[in-house]
Amino acid sequence: MIIDHSIDIDEAVEEFGLADHITELDDVGLTVVPQATLRLGDEWFEQLRDALLRVAEARTGVSFDLDTGPSATFDGRAGENGQLIFSHLIYEDQSFEKVLTHPVKKALMTYMLGEGHRLSVSDGWIKWQTPNSWEEESTTGFHADQSVVPTPWNWRIPHIANMNWIITDYTRENGALAYVPGSHREQRLPEPGEALPRSVPVEAPKGSLVMFQGGLWHGAYRKTTPGLRLTMLGQHCRPYIIPFQDFKGRVPGEFIEASEDPDYLRSLLREDEYQLIAEAPQLLNKAN
């Protein structure tokens, strides 16, 4: 039997009060879910914060202080604009799995991408005060996540969607995500210099969940305050798109089984493809 990892979106919308968030995803292209709606305590986000900082130090050999920033300078792009992205975090800690399987995230991602969507990116983002030598107002250029798909897009059926779990407060001064409300309905990429003048910041406290669809124009403002901005992000895609990061067969079974929603996690990681291949002869015989 094929595993059913589906979710009743209407039931989840009713249980968690997500109707306004669904409307925002349609009209604005982005929604911010508050911590109270997520029904998560501060400890949940503190564990996420500590795990991300632990991975960052292990991978770079540099310590990261929430109030002062990194203990060393970096060469290359990270040194220029003051930010680092740490990929494939699902391998590192069970707390990184929890951001993928939370029922509110699952419902909103399913609304945007349908059943069978896949995890494309499992990343953590650490950003510190933007160096004065960086001249631009944005540290992440404006783009749309589904740029791999030819335009024009149908805004009602996005190919890609994203989530940002906010681990430290989002303000414009703190280098928040920037976006152009309603830009997903233009069904194209922004022209150079077009998006920034029309952009607004995502301003929300730590403990919030930001979700947006792949046609939305977005970037990030420079960070003018000391300390760190921490975010967990996870791009997802429809099943006909190859994920940017390949997780299939690389996450231990015991890790998946420890999840509160192992069937959904298997689907996100494409582990259900093995099952579908194994069952293909039976399904074919049944069809004949």
Protein backbone atom coordinates (compact mmCIF):
# COMPACT_ATOMS: atom_id res chain seq x y z
CA MET A 1 0.00 0.00 0.00
CA ILE A 2 1.28 3.49 -0.84
CA ILE A 3 1.71 5.64 2.26
CA ASP A 4 -0.83 8.44 2.57
CA HIS A 5 0.93 11.51 4.00
CA SER A 6 -1.80 13.91 2.87
CA ILE A 7 -3.26 16.64 5.02
CA ASP A 8 -6.78 18.02 5.17
CA ILE A 9 -6.02 21.69 4.49
CA ASP A 10 -9.52 22.83 5.47
CA GLU A 11 -9.19 21.03 8.79
CA ALA A 12 -5.77 22.60 9.51
CA VAL A 13 -7.01 26.04 8.46
CA GLU A 14 -9.89 25.71 10.89
CA GLU A 15 -7.83 24.29 13.76
CA PHE A 16 -5.04 26.89 13.61
CA GLY A 17 -7.03 29.84 12.26
CA LEU A 18 -5.11 30.15 8.97
CA ALA A 19 -7.80 31.63 6.72
CA ASP A 20 -6.28 35.12 6.72
CA HIS A 21 -2.83 33.68 6.01
CA ILE A 22 -4.21 31.81 2.99
CA THR A 23 -5.73 35.08 1.72
CA GLU A 24 -2.41 36.90 2.21
CA LEU A 25 -0.54 34.27 0.23
CA ASP A 26 -2.96 34.84 -2.65
CA ASP A 27 -3.12 38.63 -2.47
CA VAL A 28 0.32 39.63 -1.16
CA GLY A 29 2.39 36.53 -1.93
CA LEU A 30 3.74 36.36 1.64
CA THR A 31 2.35 35.84 5.12
CA VAL A 32 3.76 36.03 8.66
CA VAL A 33 2.44 33.45 11.12
CA PRO A 34 2.87 34.57 14.76
CA GLN A 35 4.30 32.36 17.48
CA ALA A 36 0.93 32.09 19.24
CA THR A 37 -0.66 30.58 16.13
CA LEU A 38 2.21 28.11 15.83
CA ARG A 39 1.61 27.08 19.47
CA LEU A 40 5.33 26.88 20.13
CA GLY A 41 7.19 28.00 23.24
CA ASP A 42 10.37 30.07 23.41
CA GLU A 43 12.38 26.94 24.22
CA TRP A 44 11.58 25.49 20.77
CA PHE A 45 13.21 28.46 19.05
CA GLU A 46 16.09 28.57 21.52
CA GLN A 47 16.96 24.98 20.65
CA LEU A 48 16.90 25.92 16.98
CA ARG A 49 19.14 28.92 17.66
CA ASP A 50 21.66 26.90 19.67
CA ALA A 51 21.79 24.14 17.05
CA LEU A 52 22.42 26.62 14.23
CA LEU A 53 25.20 28.38 16.16
CA ARG A 54 26.77 25.01 17.02
CA VAL A 55 26.84 23.97 13.36
CA ALA A 56 28.21 27.34 12.30
CA GLU A 57 31.11 27.13 14.74
CA ALA A 58 31.86 23.51 13.84
CA ARG A 59 31.95 24.26 10.10
CA THR A 60 33.92 27.52 10.27
CA GLY A 61 36.02 27.28 13.42
CA VAL A 62 34.65 30.72 14.33
CA SER A 63 32.39 31.47 17.30
CA PHE A 64 29.25 33.59 16.80
CA ASP A 65 28.00 35.81 19.61
CA LEU A 66 24.37 36.94 19.47
CA ASP A 67 25.27 40.45 20.66
CA THR A 68 28.61 41.10 18.97
CA GLY A 69 28.73 38.86 15.88
CA PRO A 70 31.50 36.53 14.65
CA SER A 71 34.82 36.35 16.48
CA ALA A 72 36.80 36.60 13.24
CA THR A 73 36.53 38.20 9.82
CA PHE A 74 35.83 36.25 6.64
CA ASP A 75 37.31 36.42 3.19
CA GLY A 76 35.27 36.53 -0.01
CA ARG A 77 31.57 37.29 -0.24
CA ALA A 78 30.88 36.67 3.46
CA GLY A 79 33.43 39.29 4.41
CA GLU A 80 32.03 41.73 1.88
CA ASN A 81 28.35 41.67 2.85
CA GLY A 82 28.39 40.11 6.32
CA GLN A 83 26.42 36.90 5.99
CA LEU A 84 26.85 33.14 5.71
CA ILE A 85 24.48 30.37 4.60
CA PHE A 86 24.87 26.86 6.05
CA SER A 87 23.32 24.18 3.86
CA HIS A 88 22.07 20.61 4.36
CA LEU A 89 21.15 21.24 8.00
CA ILE A 90 18.69 18.35 8.04
CA TYR A 91 21.73 16.10 8.49
CA GLU A 92 22.89 17.88 11.62
CA ASP A 93 20.22 17.96 14.32
CA GLN A 94 16.69 16.72 15.00
CA SER A 95 15.58 20.29 15.69
CA PHE A 96 16.14 21.11 12.01
CA GLU A 97 13.65 18.42 11.09
CA LYS A 98 10.96 19.99 13.26
CA VAL A 99 10.80 23.12 11.10
CA LEU A 100 9.92 20.88 8.14
CA THR A 101 7.08 18.90 9.69
CA HIS A 102 5.24 21.48 11.81
CA PRO A 103 1.52 21.18 10.96
CA VAL A 104 1.04 24.89 10.15
CA LYS A 105 4.02 24.87 7.80
CA LYS A 106 2.75 21.63 6.27
CA ALA A 107 -0.72 23.05 5.65
CA LEU A 108 0.46 26.32 4.08
CA MET A 109 3.12 24.62 1.97
CA THR A 110 0.56 22.10 0.76
CA TYR A 111 -1.80 24.94 -0.10
CA MET A 112 0.88 26.56 -2.27
CA LEU A 113 2.51 23.49 -3.84
CA GLY A 114 -0.03 20.69 -3.56
CA GLU A 115 0.47 17.13 -2.36
CA GLY A 116 3.84 15.48 -2.88
CA HIS A 117 5.95 18.64 -2.71
CA ARG A 118 9.65 18.13 -1.99
CA LEU A 119 12.29 19.76 0.18
CA SER A 120 14.73 21.59 -2.07
CA VAL A 121 16.89 23.47 0.44
CA SER A 122 17.53 23.01 4.19
CA ASP A 123 19.59 26.05 5.18
CA GLY A 124 20.45 28.29 8.09
CA TRP A 125 21.33 31.95 7.59
CA ILE A 126 23.59 33.97 9.87
CA LYS A 127 23.90 37.68 9.20
CA TRP A 128 25.89 40.30 11.09
CA GLN A 129 26.37 44.05 10.76
CA THR A 130 26.96 44.92 7.12
CA PRO A 131 30.47 46.32 6.57
CA ASN A 132 30.64 50.00 5.66
CA SER A 133 32.50 49.01 2.50
CA TRP A 134 29.30 47.36 1.20
CA GLU A 135 27.68 50.16 -0.79
CA GLU A 136 24.32 48.66 -1.69
CA GLU A 137 21.12 49.02 0.33
CA SER A 138 20.39 45.30 -0.06
CA THR A 139 22.76 42.49 0.87
CA THR A 140 20.73 39.91 -1.04
CA GLY A 141 19.69 41.03 -4.51
CA PHE A 142 16.03 40.99 -5.46
CA HIS A 143 14.90 37.84 -7.24
CA ALA A 144 12.13 35.26 -7.45
CA ASP A 145 12.86 31.73 -6.26
CA GLN A 146 11.27 30.03 -9.27
CA SER A 147 13.53 31.72 -11.81
CA VAL A 148 14.48 28.25 -13.09
CA VAL A 149 11.02 28.06 -14.69
CA PRO A 150 10.39 30.08 -17.88
CA THR A 151 8.05 33.05 -17.57
CA PRO A 152 5.24 33.99 -17.61
CA TRP A 153 4.22 32.07 -14.48
CA ASN A 154 0.70 31.34 -13.33
CA TRP A 155 0.68 33.07 -9.93
CA ARG A 156 -2.14 30.80 -8.74
CA ILE A 157 0.04 27.70 -9.15
CA PRO A 158 3.57 28.46 -7.93
CA HIS A 159 6.31 25.97 -8.79
CA ILE A 160 8.37 26.78 -5.69
CA ALA A 161 7.64 28.16 -2.22
CA ASN A 162 9.78 29.10 0.75
CA MET A 163 9.68 29.40 4.52
CA ASN A 164 11.73 31.51 6.95
CA TRP A 165 11.69 30.62 10.64
CA ILE A 166 12.65 33.81 12.46
CA ILE A 167 15.05 33.04 15.30
CA THR A 168 15.94 36.67 16.07
CA ASP A 169 13.76 39.74 15.59
CA TYR A 170 13.18 40.93 12.04
CA THR A 171 13.37 44.69 11.54
CA ARG A 172 14.63 46.70 8.61
CA GLU A 173 17.61 47.87 10.68
CA ASN A 174 18.34 44.28 11.64
CA GLY A 175 18.68 43.25 7.99
CA ALA A 176 15.20 41.82 7.48
CA LEU A 177 13.79 40.09 4.44
CA ALA A 178 12.58 42.66 1.90
CA TYR A 179 9.78 42.00 -0.58
CA VAL A 180 7.46 43.69 -3.06
CA PRO A 181 3.83 43.00 -2.04
CA GLY A 182 1.76 41.53 -4.86
CA SER A 183 4.73 41.16 -7.21
CA HIS A 184 3.97 37.45 -7.69
CA ARG A 185 0.96 38.51 -9.78
CA GLU A 186 3.24 40.13 -12.34
CA GLN A 187 4.37 36.59 -13.21
CA ARG A 188 7.91 37.57 -14.14
CA LEU A 189 11.32 38.47 -12.73
CA PRO A 190 12.01 42.06 -11.68
CA GLU A 191 14.00 44.29 -13.99
CA PRO A 192 17.33 45.58 -12.59
CA GLY A 193 16.65 48.33 -10.05
CA GLU A 194 12.87 47.85 -10.20
CA ALA A 195 12.19 46.03 -6.94
CA LEU A 196 14.10 47.93 -4.23
CA PRO A 197 12.14 51.21 -4.48
CA ARG A 198 8.87 49.27 -4.16
CA SER A 199 10.01 46.96 -1.37
CA VAL A 200 8.92 46.78 2.27
CA PRO A 201 10.55 44.92 5.18
CA VAL A 202 9.18 41.86 6.93
CA GLU A 203 9.07 43.17 10.49
CA ALA A 204 8.18 40.43 12.96
CA PRO A 205 9.42 39.18 16.33
CA LYS A 206 11.48 36.05 16.83
CA GLY A 207 9.29 32.99 16.97
CA SER A 208 7.42 33.90 13.79
CA LEU A 209 7.15 31.88 10.58
CA VAL A 210 7.33 33.66 7.22
CA MET A 211 6.00 31.81 4.19
CA PHE A 212 5.93 33.03 0.61
CA GLN A 213 5.45 31.73 -2.89
CA GLY A 214 8.14 31.39 -5.53
CA GLY A 215 6.99 34.20 -7.80
CA LEU A 216 7.40 36.89 -5.14
CA TRP A 217 10.19 39.43 -5.64
CA HIS A 218 12.34 39.50 -2.52
CA GLY A 219 15.82 40.17 -1.18
CA ALA A 220 17.20 41.49 2.13
CA TYR A 221 18.20 44.87 3.50
CA ARG A 222 21.66 45.65 4.85
CA LYS A 223 22.05 45.17 8.61
CA THR A 224 22.88 48.40 10.44
CA THR A 225 22.75 47.00 13.98
CA PRO A 226 25.37 44.96 15.88
CA GLY A 227 24.91 41.30 16.71
CA LEU A 228 23.38 38.49 14.69
CA ARG A 229 20.27 37.93 12.61
CA LEU A 230 19.43 34.21 12.55
CA THR A 231 17.02 32.49 10.19
CA MET A 232 16.16 28.93 9.22
CA LEU A 233 14.97 28.74 5.63
CA GLY A 234 13.64 25.94 3.52
CA GLN A 235 12.81 26.19 -0.14
CA HIS A 236 10.32 23.57 -1.39
CA CYS A 237 9.29 22.56 -4.90
CA ARG A 238 6.65 20.62 -6.76
CA PRO A 239 7.56 16.98 -7.49
CA TYR A 240 8.42 17.61 -11.17
CA ILE A 241 11.30 19.94 -10.20
CA ILE A 242 14.66 18.51 -9.14
CA PRO A 243 15.56 19.83 -5.66
CA PHE A 244 18.70 21.95 -5.34
CA GLN A 245 19.97 19.69 -2.56
CA ASP A 246 19.66 15.91 -2.84
CA PHE A 247 18.51 14.36 0.44
CA LYS A 248 17.21 11.01 -0.82
CA GLY A 249 18.97 8.08 0.81
CA ARG A 250 21.18 10.33 2.93
CA VAL A 251 19.11 10.83 6.08
CA PRO A 252 19.27 7.88 8.54
CA GLY A 253 16.07 5.92 9.00
CA GLU A 254 16.14 6.34 12.77
CA PHE A 255 16.25 10.11 12.30
CA ILE A 256 13.15 9.96 10.12
CA GLU A 257 11.32 7.64 12.52
CA ALA A 258 12.01 10.05 15.40
CA SER A 259 9.99 12.72 13.58
CA GLU A 260 6.48 13.59 14.73
CA ASP A 261 5.39 13.17 11.09
CA PRO A 262 7.70 10.53 9.56
CA ASP A 263 5.53 9.83 6.51
CA TYR A 264 5.48 13.49 5.49
CA LEU A 265 9.22 13.77 6.12
CA ARG A 266 9.87 10.75 3.88
CA SER A 267 7.91 12.42 1.13
CA LEU A 268 9.80 15.70 1.55
CA LEU A 269 13.11 13.82 1.29
CA ARG A 270 11.88 11.80 -1.73
CA GLU A 271 12.24 8.56 0.19
CA ASP A 272 8.78 7.53 -1.02
CA GLU A 273 10.20 7.24 -4.54
CA TYR A 274 11.87 3.99 -3.48
CA GLN A 275 8.51 2.67 -2.35
CA LEU A 276 6.81 3.75 -5.56
CA ILE A 277 9.49 2.03 -7.64
CA ALA A 278 9.16 -1.15 -5.57
CA GLU A 279 5.39 -1.14 -5.95
CA ALA A 280 5.40 -0.26 -9.66
CA PRO A 281 5.05 -3.89 -10.92
CA GLN A 282 2.07 -4.47 -8.62
CA LEU A 283 0.41 -1.25 -9.69
CA LEU A 284 1.02 -2.06 -13.36
CA ASN A 285 -0.47 -5.54 -13.02
CA LYS A 286 -3.45 -4.08 -11.19
CA ALA A 287 -3.95 -1.52 -13.97
CA ASN A 288 -3.83 -4.25 -16.61
